[in-house]
Amino acid sequence: MGTNGFDSSFMAKYSAYSPYRLIQRETGFDDPVGAGDAMARSLYRAMKPLASWDCEIGNTPPIGGVFNLEFSPEGSLLVAACEKKSIQIFDPLTHKRIHSVTDAHSDCVNCVKFLDGRMFATCSDDTTIALWDVRNLKKKIRSLLGHSNWVKNIEFSVKDKLLVTSGLDGSIYTWDINSYTEFNLVYQRVFHASGLMRCRLSPDARQMVMCTTGGLLVIIHDLNLSTLAKDLHGFKPNLYRLMQMSEQVIPIAAMYDHLFDLKRTENRVEFVSDFPDGNDAEVVSALQIHPQGWCALSRNISHDDRSEWSCIHDIQPSETVSEKSCRDTSSPPPPRVPAPRRPARRTRSTPYRRPRPMAMYRPAGEQSPSESPSRSREEPEPEPEAGPSAPRPDAPRADAPPARLVPGLSSIQNDVWEASITIKQQRMLQEMYSRGQVGRNFNMQRIMGINTGITPPGVLRARHLHTAPTRLFPRVHTSPAPSSSAPDAAASSSSSASSSSSSDSTLPSTSGQTPRSSGQTPRRESTSSCDDDPPEARHYIRQNRDRLLYYIEETNLGKGFIKELCFSADGRLVCSPFGRGMRLLALNDNCAELSHCVQELNGPTQMVDVGKSLFIHQDLVVSSKFSPRHHLLVTGCLEGKVVWYDPYSGPSVY
């Protein structure tokens, strides 16, 4: 039920400061529908900065920027991850610092995550994760080694009792904190994706959401961490996204189409790539999950690096299977299907067919599995990386079916694609250096690592207005490609993946500025037709569902820094760093819950600004956090200042 029908008198009558509300509760009357919104609205709109802490107080050493803030589960402790290798612990109610660990890591501390009421973990740019006990902070419990680059995120799976970490090396690791070995904890690399920025788990650990530097959100539904490495081994999200946007079948990417099947019961993959008009999201730098797991909150930087946006996307799994999502099992070739109209928002489902890559593409000189059975024994498929005490999978059998050889081939080809993209990106950066075009925003390149080379969604949005949402492509020829070096091999792979050799059908460039002209469709082979191909040779390229619910444009101050947003404990409000202050964003003017607002949506809606506190800090605000138990908000800036915000009942609240 919506809440737009409640007038200002109703909201004032049931506000947190109204004596009428207290009288109603004392006499035993239940609160009417909408009273909870009135109370939340009165409290959140009255949030004012009431206290602060600065490293200059008490002549303490500078701590640098406050990159992350985390409350303990009961809200009795607040831990700040600081730039100058330290962590600071505060009492949230008295606003005083109660402990400081000056050398928690050998580099910047990026994130803090409480595992229970007494134990928490920190991660750092020194590529390590540390475990701490609040009862004895003189020495860390354990240091976890495994990542090869900055570690930016920590999650804890309550279902599996596993620590989940991700870093700018693109790897996601799981750590069994209850297992101790001679060398380290039992750990395993469960996934790898180039350009990975953040990895979050839903509160019940049944969903994993990742964001990348390619403007893409990846959702894994019905998460099973114990089988994730096996199920997603060799899968490259950027390569699959490249196939979607280029509208050309890439066999080594299409072979993983079964991961998107709605009938999968574990580790089903879904892409989210829709953003508001005017927002060509390139780098999704911050990510948070709703307290009830209903949606994902992200902050992204546009392709032109001139604007930042905060967006809320629905991440609830789909419970219905479209008839067009099934494989066509009819024996005669079906007639050509006209281009379907675009369905209503958030209900689109794209037909697809699971391809047969080994029958379509094979590099030059590569023998088929039936021709070289000894090759599978001599060069087994590389397994996912695991810790010292993790059980190693069994070696592949000599009589394994040919499909077992496919992931190894895909890994090689994926590496060629990504190597080509990386080389082109480095050349672009060198040209920018020589022309003097690299300014302050080059700090973002350190965060991005490499550019994925994918055309921004906004560039292709206009093109899709003139094209059908689904494309039917003919069979790809299996003619062997000539041997070449790594960059040439990538070009060779591109031509093999393409269904046409005509000059008007090109892949997006690494800069994202050379998409195919609007309204132009891929040209079919001159010697074959889609209708003449057998059913198993036709392929559908999947299109992503529209998941965008809410959005708002942010200030673009402080290019290159990650600004951590947060949900309130009840999920009604979003706190967004805004320059040297913050602002509070709600889904509607009454601060209603998402379940009450989503029924009124007719499309993506702009969030409502319900309050600001500007110029409270001396420098850019980069972190924010709501208390899990109280109406309390904390923000931190690059100068090391921490500010507390509490509800304040002044004369002008209503």
Foldseek 3Di string as FASTA:
>chain_A
DFDPPDDPVVLVCLAPPHVNVVVCVVVPHDDDPLSVLSHVLLWVLQWDFDDWDACPVPVHDFFFFFQEWDAAQVRQKIWTFTFQQKIWIAGQVVRDTDDIDRHNDPGGWAYKADPHRFKIWIFFQVQWIFIDGNVDRPDTPDIDHDDDGGKHDWDAAPVVRWIWTDDQQQWIKTFNPVAQDPPGTWMFTLDGEHQWADWDAAPNRQKIWTFGQAQKIKIWGREDSVCRNVLCQLAYVLVLVLCQLLVFFQLLNLLNVVLCQLPDNYGRMAMARDDDPPALFRGFNAWDAFNNRQWIWTKGAGLVRAWIKIFIFGDDRDDDDDPLQDADPDFAQDDDDPFDDDDAAQPDWFHWANADSLVAEDAPPDDQCVVCLVVCVVDPADGTGIDPPDDDDDTDDSPDDSVRCSSSVSNVLVVLQQVLLQVVQVVVVVVCVVVVVDDPLCLLCVSRVGGSLAAGPNVCPQQCVQPGQKDKAFAFHHDHFDDDDSNVVNVSSVVSRGQDPDPQRDGGGNSNPDRRDHNDDRDHDPVDDSSPGTSNRMTMSIDHHHGTAEMDIADSPPNNAAAYKDAALNRLWIWTFHWQWIWIWGQDSSSDHPVNPRVVDSDYYYIDTSGIDPPPHPGGWRYKDYRNPARKIWTIGRSGMITIIGRDDDPPSD
